[in-house]
Amino acid sequence: MSAATPTPVQLNPLGGESYRLTLPNTANTPKLARDFLTSLLRVSRHPGLVDDARLCVTELVTNAHRHTRTP
């Protein structure tokens, strides 16, 4: 599996950057999503949000993985 490259997309009409990450539906996906989010928060100077955000993304991605059948 190759590493996914984040792509900035303009979703916020007021400006700023948004990112979209497309990952496969595998057991490793929650870790990939956590690592991606952690990197973004650290480079955007929001390290204080890392722990809570990692918990939220883990729950969200794990539930999506468990309850969907799409590869």
PDB file of N, CA and C in Angstrom:
ATOM      1  N   MET A   1       0.852  -1.172   0.000  1.00  0.00           N
ATOM      2  CA  MET A   1       0.000   0.000   0.000  1.00  0.00           C
ATOM      3  C   MET A   1       0.892   1.228   0.000  1.00  0.00           C
ATOM      4  N   SER A   2       0.598   2.175  -0.853  1.00  0.00           N
ATOM      5  CA  SER A   2       1.391   3.397  -0.884  1.00  0.00           C
ATOM      6  C   SER A   2       0.792   4.424   0.063  1.00  0.00           C
ATOM      7  N   ALA A   3       1.631   5.350   0.485  1.00  0.00           N
ATOM      8  CA  ALA A   3       1.173   6.398   1.402  1.00  0.00           C
ATOM      9  C   ALA A   3       0.266   7.359   0.651  1.00  0.00           C
ATOM     10  N   ALA A   4      -0.828   7.734   1.281  1.00  0.00           N
ATOM     11  CA  ALA A   4      -1.749   8.691   0.679  1.00  0.00           C
ATOM     12  C   ALA A   4      -1.186  10.090   0.826  1.00  0.00           C
ATOM     13  N   THR A   5      -1.334  10.890  -0.202  1.00  0.00           N
ATOM     14  CA  THR A   5      -0.865  12.267  -0.165  1.00  0.00           C
ATOM     15  C   THR A   5      -2.046  13.170   0.110  1.00  0.00           C
ATOM     16  N   PRO A   6      -1.994  13.975   1.180  1.00  0.00           N
ATOM     17  CA  PRO A   6      -3.106  14.874   1.469  1.00  0.00           C
ATOM     18  C   PRO A   6      -3.219  15.948   0.401  1.00  0.00           C
ATOM     19  N   THR A   7      -4.429  16.266   0.046  1.00  0.00           N
ATOM     20  CA  THR A   7      -4.676  17.274  -0.967  1.00  0.00           C
ATOM     21  C   THR A   7      -5.487  18.406  -0.367  1.00  0.00           C
ATOM     22  N   PRO A   8      -4.935  19.647  -0.367  1.00  0.00           N
ATOM     23  CA  PRO A   8      -5.744  20.753   0.140  1.00  0.00           C
ATOM     24  C   PRO A   8      -6.902  21.032  -0.819  1.00  0.00           C
ATOM     25  N   VAL A   9      -8.081  21.201  -0.282  1.00  0.00           N
ATOM     26  CA  VAL A   9      -9.256  21.545  -1.080  1.00  0.00           C
ATOM     27  C   VAL A   9      -9.940  22.738  -0.432  1.00  0.00           C
ATOM     28  N   GLN A  10     -10.469  23.623  -1.238  1.00  0.00           N
ATOM     29  CA  GLN A  10     -11.126  24.816  -0.715  1.00  0.00           C
ATOM     30  C   GLN A  10     -12.563  24.470  -0.344  1.00  0.00           C
ATOM     31  N   LEU A  11     -12.826  24.274   0.941  1.00  0.00           N
ATOM     32  CA  LEU A  11     -14.165  23.965   1.430  1.00  0.00           C
ATOM     33  C   LEU A  11     -14.743  25.103   2.254  1.00  0.00           C
ATOM     34  N   ASN A  12     -13.888  25.979   2.708  1.00  0.00           N
ATOM     35  CA  ASN A  12     -14.293  27.067   3.585  1.00  0.00           C
ATOM     36  C   ASN A  12     -14.366  28.358   2.773  1.00  0.00           C
ATOM     37  N   PRO A  13     -15.561  28.907   2.553  1.00  0.00           N
ATOM     38  CA  PRO A  13     -15.672  30.126   1.745  1.00  0.00           C
ATOM     39  C   PRO A  13     -14.990  31.332   2.377  1.00  0.00           C
ATOM     40  N   LEU A  14     -14.676  31.264   3.663  1.00  0.00           N
ATOM     41  CA  LEU A  14     -14.012  32.374   4.337  1.00  0.00           C
ATOM     42  C   LEU A  14     -12.496  32.279   4.243  1.00  0.00           C
ATOM     43  N   GLY A  15     -11.999  31.267   3.608  1.00  0.00           N
ATOM     44  CA  GLY A  15     -10.555  31.098   3.462  1.00  0.00           C
ATOM     45  C   GLY A  15     -10.027  30.014   4.373  1.00  0.00           C
ATOM     46  N   GLY A  16      -8.732  29.897   4.397  1.00  0.00           N
ATOM     47  CA  GLY A  16      -8.106  28.847   5.194  1.00  0.00           C
ATOM     48  C   GLY A  16      -7.991  27.577   4.383  1.00  0.00           C
ATOM     49  N   GLU A  17      -7.261  26.634   4.915  1.00  0.00           N
ATOM     50  CA  GLU A  17      -7.066  25.381   4.202  1.00  0.00           C
ATOM     51  C   GLU A  17      -7.873  24.264   4.841  1.00  0.00           C
ATOM     52  N   SER A  18      -8.362  23.388   4.010  1.00  0.00           N
ATOM     53  CA  SER A  18      -9.020  22.166   4.434  1.00  0.00           C
ATOM     54  C   SER A  18      -8.282  21.026   3.752  1.00  0.00           C
ATOM     55  N   TYR A  19      -8.317  19.860   4.345  1.00  0.00           N
ATOM     56  CA  TYR A  19      -7.628  18.711   3.772  1.00  0.00           C
ATOM     57  C   TYR A  19      -8.572  17.539   3.678  1.00  0.00           C
ATOM     58  N   ARG A  20      -8.360  16.740   2.650  1.00  0.00           N
ATOM     59  CA  ARG A  20      -9.140  15.521   2.455  1.00  0.00           C
ATOM     60  C   ARG A  20      -8.145  14.370   2.361  1.00  0.00           C
ATOM     61  N   LEU A  21      -8.416  13.313   3.082  1.00  0.00           N
ATOM     62  CA  LEU A  21      -7.556  12.134   3.067  1.00  0.00           C
ATOM     63  C   LEU A  21      -8.429  10.930   2.761  1.00  0.00           C
ATOM     64  N   THR A  22      -8.121  10.232   1.695  1.00  0.00           N
ATOM     65  CA  THR A  22      -8.867   9.042   1.322  1.00  0.00           C
ATOM     66  C   THR A  22      -8.018   7.826   1.661  1.00  0.00           C
ATOM     67  N   LEU A  23      -8.577   6.943   2.464  1.00  0.00           N
ATOM     68  CA  LEU A  23      -7.853   5.759   2.921  1.00  0.00           C
ATOM     69  C   LEU A  23      -8.672   4.507   2.644  1.00  0.00           C
ATOM     70  N   PRO A  24      -8.002   3.362   2.533  1.00  0.00           N
ATOM     71  CA  PRO A  24      -8.732   2.105   2.344  1.00  0.00           C
ATOM     72  C   PRO A  24      -9.442   1.702   3.633  1.00  0.00           C
ATOM     73  N   ASN A  25     -10.434   0.868   3.503  1.00  0.00           N
ATOM     74  CA  ASN A  25     -11.169   0.373   4.669  1.00  0.00           C
ATOM     75  C   ASN A  25     -10.453  -0.868   5.201  1.00  0.00           C
ATOM     76  N   THR A  26      -9.405  -0.638   5.997  1.00  0.00           N
ATOM     77  CA  THR A  26      -8.627  -1.736   6.575  1.00  0.00           C
ATOM     78  C   THR A  26      -8.478  -1.507   8.074  1.00  0.00           C
ATOM     79  N   ALA A  27      -7.996  -2.512   8.764  1.00  0.00           N
ATOM     80  CA  ALA A  27      -7.800  -2.391  10.211  1.00  0.00           C
ATOM     81  C   ALA A  27      -6.745  -1.345  10.565  1.00  0.00           C
ATOM     82  N   ASN A  28      -5.856  -1.016   9.650  1.00  0.00           N
ATOM     83  CA  ASN A  28      -4.789  -0.041   9.891  1.00  0.00           C
ATOM     84  C   ASN A  28      -5.245   1.407   9.662  1.00  0.00           C
ATOM     85  N   THR A  29      -6.417   1.591   9.098  1.00  0.00           N
ATOM     86  CA  THR A  29      -6.887   2.929   8.739  1.00  0.00           C
ATOM     87  C   THR A  29      -6.992   3.887   9.923  1.00  0.00           C
ATOM     88  N   PRO A  30      -7.494   3.488  11.093  1.00  0.00           N
ATOM     89  CA  PRO A  30      -7.533   4.438  12.214  1.00  0.00           C
ATOM     90  C   PRO A  30      -6.154   4.999  12.568  1.00  0.00           C
ATOM     91  N   LYS A  31      -5.123   4.169  12.526  1.00  0.00           N
ATOM     92  CA  LYS A  31      -3.770   4.649  12.818  1.00  0.00           C
ATOM     93  C   LYS A  31      -3.309   5.654  11.764  1.00  0.00           C
ATOM     94  N   LEU A  32      -3.571   5.368  10.506  1.00  0.00           N
ATOM     95  CA  LEU A  32      -3.186   6.292   9.438  1.00  0.00           C
ATOM     96  C   LEU A  32      -3.888   7.638   9.603  1.00  0.00           C
ATOM     97  N   ALA A  33      -5.174   7.602   9.942  1.00  0.00           N
ATOM     98  CA  ALA A  33      -5.930   8.842  10.152  1.00  0.00           C
ATOM     99  C   ALA A  33      -5.397   9.611  11.360  1.00  0.00           C
ATOM    100  N   ARG A  34      -5.088   8.905  12.444  1.00  0.00           N
ATOM    101  CA  ARG A  34      -4.513   9.561  13.640  1.00  0.00           C
ATOM    102  C   ARG A  34      -3.189  10.231  13.315  1.00  0.00           C
ATOM    103  N   ASP A  35      -2.328   9.518  12.611  1.00  0.00           N
ATOM    104  CA  ASP A  35      -1.017  10.069  12.274  1.00  0.00           C
ATOM    105  C   ASP A  35      -1.140  11.294  11.371  1.00  0.00           C
ATOM    106  N   PHE A  36      -2.045  11.235  10.408  1.00  0.00           N
ATOM    107  CA  PHE A  36      -2.289  12.367   9.512  1.00  0.00           C
ATOM    108  C   PHE A  36      -2.760  13.583  10.303  1.00  0.00           C
ATOM    109  N   LEU A  37      -3.746  13.383  11.161  1.00  0.00           N
ATOM    110  CA  LEU A  37      -4.286  14.477  11.967  1.00  0.00           C
ATOM    111  C   LEU A  37      -3.231  15.050  12.911  1.00  0.00           C
ATOM    112  N   THR A  38      -2.464  14.183  13.540  1.00  0.00           N
ATOM    113  CA  THR A  38      -1.408  14.631  14.448  1.00  0.00           C
ATOM    114  C   THR A  38      -0.408  15.512  13.714  1.00  0.00           C
ATOM    115  N   SER A  39       0.000  15.101  12.538  1.00  0.00           N
ATOM    116  CA  SER A  39       0.948  15.895  11.750  1.00  0.00           C
ATOM    117  C   SER A  39       0.378  17.262  11.410  1.00  0.00           C
ATOM    118  N   LEU A  40      -0.872  17.285  10.973  1.00  0.00           N
ATOM    119  CA  LEU A  40      -1.492  18.570  10.628  1.00  0.00           C
ATOM    120  C   LEU A  40      -1.584  19.499  11.834  1.00  0.00           C
ATOM    121  N   LEU A  41      -1.984  18.975  12.973  1.00  0.00           N
ATOM    122  CA  LEU A  41      -2.120  19.819  14.163  1.00  0.00           C
ATOM    123  C   LEU A  41      -0.769  20.338  14.637  1.00  0.00           C
ATOM    124  N   ARG A  42       0.245  19.525  14.550  1.00  0.00           N
ATOM    125  CA  ARG A  42       1.569  19.974  14.999  1.00  0.00           C
ATOM    126  C   ARG A  42       2.156  21.034  14.080  1.00  0.00           C
ATOM    127  N   VAL A  43       2.047  20.860  12.772  1.00  0.00           N
ATOM    128  CA  VAL A  43       2.617  21.864  11.863  1.00  0.00           C
ATOM    129  C   VAL A  43       1.791  23.142  11.839  1.00  0.00           C
ATOM    130  N   SER A  44       0.523  23.063  12.226  1.00  0.00           N
ATOM    131  CA  SER A  44      -0.311  24.269  12.267  1.00  0.00           C
ATOM    132  C   SER A  44      -0.306  24.914  13.646  1.00  0.00           C
ATOM    133  N   ARG A  45       0.621  24.477  14.484  1.00  0.00           N
ATOM    134  CA  ARG A  45       0.837  25.049  15.814  1.00  0.00           C
ATOM    135  C   ARG A  45      -0.371  24.898  16.743  1.00  0.00           C
ATOM    136  N   HIS A  46      -0.966  23.715  16.728  1.00  0.00           N
ATOM    137  CA  HIS A  46      -2.066  23.398  17.638  1.00  0.00           C
ATOM    138  C   HIS A  46      -1.775  22.109  18.407  1.00  0.00           C
ATOM    139  N   PRO A  47      -0.593  21.984  19.002  1.00  0.00           N
ATOM    140  CA  PRO A  47      -0.248  20.729  19.674  1.00  0.00           C
ATOM    141  C   PRO A  47      -1.136  20.415  20.874  1.00  0.00           C
ATOM    142  N   GLY A  48      -1.763  21.419  21.460  1.00  0.00           N
ATOM    143  CA  GLY A  48      -2.631  21.187  22.604  1.00  0.00           C
ATOM    144  C   GLY A  48      -3.908  20.447  22.253  1.00  0.00           C
ATOM    145  N   LEU A  49      -4.232  20.384  20.977  1.00  0.00           N
ATOM    146  CA  LEU A  49      -5.447  19.692  20.529  1.00  0.00           C
ATOM    147  C   LEU A  49      -5.197  18.237  20.158  1.00  0.00           C
ATOM    148  N   VAL A  50      -3.933  17.840  20.105  1.00  0.00           N
ATOM    149  CA  VAL A  50      -3.581  16.522  19.571  1.00  0.00           C
ATOM    150  C   VAL A  50      -4.270  15.379  20.304  1.00  0.00           C
ATOM    151  N   ASP A  51      -4.180  15.316  21.615  1.00  0.00           N
ATOM    152  CA  ASP A  51      -4.726  14.165  22.346  1.00  0.00           C
ATOM    153  C   ASP A  51      -6.231  14.011  22.152  1.00  0.00           C
ATOM    154  N   ASP A  52      -6.978  15.098  22.318  1.00  0.00           N
ATOM    155  CA  ASP A  52      -8.434  15.017  22.151  1.00  0.00           C
ATOM    156  C   ASP A  52      -8.810  14.707  20.705  1.00  0.00           C
ATOM    157  N   ALA A  53      -8.122  15.318  19.768  1.00  0.00           N
ATOM    158  CA  ALA A  53      -8.425  15.092  18.355  1.00  0.00           C
ATOM    159  C   ALA A  53      -8.113  13.656  17.946  1.00  0.00           C
ATOM    160  N   ARG A  54      -7.019  13.105  18.469  1.00  0.00           N
ATOM    161  CA  ARG A  54      -6.674  11.710  18.163  1.00  0.00           C
ATOM    162  C   ARG A  54      -7.761  10.755  18.664  1.00  0.00           C
ATOM    163  N   LEU A  55      -8.280  11.022  19.847  1.00  0.00           N
ATOM    164  CA  LEU A  55      -9.356  10.187  20.381  1.00  0.00           C
ATOM    165  C   LEU A  55     -10.591  10.263  19.483  1.00  0.00           C
ATOM    166  N   CYS A  56     -10.966  11.476  19.096  1.00  0.00           N
ATOM    167  CA  CYS A  56     -12.155  11.656  18.247  1.00  0.00           C
ATOM    168  C   CYS A  56     -11.991  10.973  16.893  1.00  0.00           C
ATOM    169  N   VAL A  57     -10.848  11.174  16.249  1.00  0.00           N
ATOM    170  CA  VAL A  57     -10.659  10.578  14.924  1.00  0.00           C
ATOM    171  C   VAL A  57     -10.571   9.057  15.017  1.00  0.00           C
ATOM    172  N   THR A  58     -10.007   8.545  16.098  1.00  0.00           N
ATOM    173  CA  THR A  58      -9.951   7.095  16.283  1.00  0.00           C
ATOM    174  C   THR A  58     -11.354   6.512  16.370  1.00  0.00           C
ATOM    175  N   GLU A  59     -12.210   7.120  17.180  1.00  0.00           N
ATOM    176  CA  GLU A  59     -13.590   6.633  17.319  1.00  0.00           C
ATOM    177  C   GLU A  59     -14.339   6.715  15.996  1.00  0.00           C
ATOM    178  N   LEU A  60     -14.226   7.836  15.316  1.00  0.00           N
ATOM    179  CA  LEU A  60     -14.936   8.042  14.059  1.00  0.00           C
ATOM    180  C   LEU A  60     -14.493   7.045  12.993  1.00  0.00           C
ATOM    181  N   VAL A  61     -13.200   6.928  12.797  1.00  0.00           N
ATOM    182  CA  VAL A  61     -12.687   6.057  11.742  1.00  0.00           C
ATOM    183  C   VAL A  61     -12.892   4.581  12.088  1.00  0.00           C
ATOM    184  N   THR A  62     -12.730   4.222  13.344  1.00  0.00           N
ATOM    185  CA  THR A  62     -12.965   2.833  13.749  1.00  0.00           C
ATOM    186  C   THR A  62     -14.420   2.443  13.517  1.00  0.00           C
ATOM    187  N   ASN A  63     -15.348   3.318  13.871  1.00  0.00           N
ATOM    188  CA  ASN A  63     -16.770   3.027  13.633  1.00  0.00           C
ATOM    189  C   ASN A  63     -17.066   2.901  12.145  1.00  0.00           C
ATOM    190  N   ALA A  64     -16.494   3.785  11.341  1.00  0.00           N
ATOM    191  CA  ALA A  64     -16.697   3.695   9.891  1.00  0.00           C
ATOM    192  C   ALA A  64     -16.139   2.374   9.360  1.00  0.00           C
ATOM    193  N   HIS A  65     -14.981   1.984   9.844  1.00  0.00           N
ATOM    194  CA  HIS A  65     -14.371   0.720   9.402  1.00  0.00           C
ATOM    195  C   HIS A  65     -15.236  -0.479   9.808  1.00  0.00           C
ATOM    196  N   ARG A  66     -15.717  -0.480  11.021  1.00  0.00           N
ATOM    197  CA  ARG A  66     -16.499  -1.618  11.527  1.00  0.00           C
ATOM    198  C   ARG A  66     -17.875  -1.743  10.883  1.00  0.00           C
ATOM    199  N   HIS A  67     -18.469  -0.626  10.525  1.00  0.00           N
ATOM    200  CA  HIS A  67     -19.868  -0.648  10.103  1.00  0.00           C
ATOM    201  C   HIS A  67     -20.076  -0.417   8.614  1.00  0.00           C
ATOM    202  N   THR A  68     -19.011  -0.475   7.831  1.00  0.00           N
ATOM    203  CA  THR A  68     -19.156  -0.374   6.375  1.00  0.00           C
ATOM    204  C   THR A  68     -18.466  -1.561   5.730  1.00  0.00           C
ATOM    205  N   ARG A  69     -18.870  -1.849   4.523  1.00  0.00           N
ATOM    206  CA  ARG A  69     -18.278  -2.986   3.815  1.00  0.00           C
ATOM    207  C   ARG A  69     -17.459  -2.545   2.618  1.00  0.00           C
ATOM    208  N   THR A  70     -17.414  -1.270   2.361  1.00  0.00           N
ATOM    209  CA  THR A  70     -16.687  -0.768   1.204  1.00  0.00           C
ATOM    210  C   THR A  70     -15.189  -0.928   1.424  1.00  0.00           C
ATOM    211  N   PRO A  71     -14.479  -1.513   0.451  1.00  0.00           N
ATOM    212  CA  PRO A  71     -13.024  -1.660   0.620  1.00  0.00           C
ATOM    213  C   PRO A  71     -12.294  -0.330   0.572  1.00  0.00           C
TER     214      PRO A  71
END
